[in-house]
Every structure is written in structure tokens, then in C-alpha cells.
Amino acid sequence: MSFFGALQRIYVLFSASTKRCTILRKHVIGLSVKPLCKTRWECRMQSIKALRYLAGEFYDALVEVAETTDDAQAKNEAESLAIQIKDYRFLVSLVFWHDLLFQVNLMNKELQSDTMDISARISSFEKLCNWLKMYREKGFQEVLTGANELAKDLDVTPVFQTKRLRKRKKQFEYESADEPFPDPKEAYRVQCFNQVLDKALQSLEPRFEQLQKHESLFGFLCKFKNLPKDTIRKSAADLELALTDVKLVQEKEQPIISSDCRNPLKILQFLAYNNRSTAFPNLFIAIRIFLTIPVTVASGERSFSKLNLIKTYLRSTMQEDRLNNLASCQLNANHVELVIFWVPIHVSDP
């Protein structure tokens, strides 16, 4: 059973019965268990959060369920989960995944901001990559410290359980000898801790390099006011825009762009509201392309989440037109609430 599988089992156990849910609320105050979702990674953070800070309360709730329930299957499940919570390896995984997902979720919240652009996103990605590298070098001891505190509350010995070392039989003579880790703590650090962080870095670094390429082309738009004209012309040439053919004369009394325009969005709004988009067509198009480059794929993932809620097995015969209309209403719920539906009623004469 995987770590997240155990979290899902805890949620299913308490959510399947109102009696067991009442027992959970009696012990766990302020937080509750959350289910896992394949389309929303934030739910993994929410499912870990309650158990990370209230592991002892969850253990007491599981013990009470095992002692009071009449359902043999629920009793067996509660006893099994209680034993797994008191496993030191599970506590280490709980602290490790909470720290990792907290940082990733924090960056996701920043990227979903309305004012986020590529330059700010690069800064967020760089901070996360640096944190992952530092956490890989020095974070394992911090994880053990947090797990030891949980183990003290649960009266658990902070020692990894030693398992019998399995030796794989060599099929050919040229195969290397099997060298398992004799220390279970070192085995967890290499096979779980380092492996997860390495995969996270491998998935982030290509995106970070791609964003750096975009920023090298469009980055001059973020500091447009502070760059000399030669640099602007060179950057525009790299962006394949013909700005060097037009000679612009800027007077001190009447600046072309207001001094309040300090970012690409305000420059675009200034050009659009003052009817100057035709005077600077290439700049206007470049800023629009820069601001419309997607920062995240949250909107696409949110669309699939809404479709999963709309198209259930009870609506299997729904036609495509109705499905599209319902999806549009769900995705634009804030605008739909502001619409006033008025249906005229015609009363026929008697």
C-alpha cells in the first residue's frame, strides 16, 4: 500500500459512516480529511495537512472506531490504519511530502495570480529549484527531526524497521553483484527521498529553460522605460519586429508613454485607451503576444475537473450541445450569477 493510498483509505473509512465521522470530529477539531483527486494536485496537500499536525488525534479516532464499531470490515480497516500511522517510515513520509507539496502549492498559488507574467514566473521557478536543491542536500535531517516529534507524541520508537535483505539471483555471469542497503534509513534517503526530489528537479528544469528563452525575447518589455533606444532596437530586431525603420522623436514636454506605465500591462492599456496602437503597431502586437503567453495550465485542468463533475454516469445520454452549455456556465459561474434572467409571461384574455 502506497503512502497516498493510506491517506485515501483514512478518508474512505471516516466518510462512509456518519457515526465514524462523528468520532473523527470529536478528536480532530478545525481540520478534516480530504479525498485525493487525479485532476487537482492541491487536494494532495490538503489531505496531508490535517494528518501532519494532528497525527495523534487521528490515531485516537481510529482506535475508538476499532473498539466501538460493529462492522467487522471497518474494525479491521481501522486497526490496520492505526498500526500504519505508528510506523516510523510512514511518519517520515508524512513530514517529507508535506514540506515538498507545501512549497509546490505555494508556487502554484503565485503562478495563478492575475498579475503574473513570464518574468515573475521565472523568479518563482528559480526559487523553487534552489529550494529543492538545498532541501536535497540538507533537508533529510529536518525531516527526521519533524518525524521524531510526531513519534514522541505517538509513543513510537524513532527507528526504521529492518527488513530481510533480498538478494536477486544473477542470471548471467556479467551481471553486477546485488548490493542492498544494510541501513534502512540510508535506503529510504536514497530510494525515496532523493529519488522524488530528483524527479521534481528533472520536470522543472526543462520548463525553466523554456521560460528563459521566452524571457530573452520578451523580457525587454518589462523594463521598457529604463532601457536605452539602442537596446530596444536590438531586442526588437531579435523579436523580428521592424522598429528600426521608424524614426521616433520624443519631446520632453509631451512624452510618448506616461511615466506611470511601469509594466507591459499598463503600457498596453495606455496605448489602447489613448488610440496610439496604430502609431506603434509592432510594439502593440509584441506586448499582446507577451501578455497572452500562458503562465500555467490551471485553466485547462479546471475545465477537465468541471467536466468530471458535469458528465456523470447519470447523465450518460447528454447531448454535446447541452454538455457544452453546462460547461460554459460552470467555467463562467461568476459572470452567470450577475446575469438577470427575465422571462416575459403572456396572459391571454379571457
Foldseek 3Di string as FASTA:
>chain_A
DDLLVLLQLLVCLQVVDPVLVVLLCVQQPPADAFHDDPLDPVNVLNRLVSCLVRVVSSLVSLVVCLVPDPDPVSNVSSVVSSVVSLALVSLLVSLLVNVLVVLVVVLVVVLPDPPDFLVVNLVSLVVSLVVLVVCLVPVSVVSLVSSVVVNVSVVHDNAHDFDDDDFDDDPDPPDDGDDDDRGVSVVCSVVPVNVVSVVVNVVSVVVSVVSVVVCQQLVCQQAVPPDDPVVVCVSCVVVVHPPVVDDDDADPVDGPADPVPNGLVVRLVRCVVVVNCVVPVSSNVSSVVRSPDRSDCVLVSVLVVVLPVVDDPVNVVDDPVVSVVSSVCVSPVVVVVVDDDDDDDDDDDD
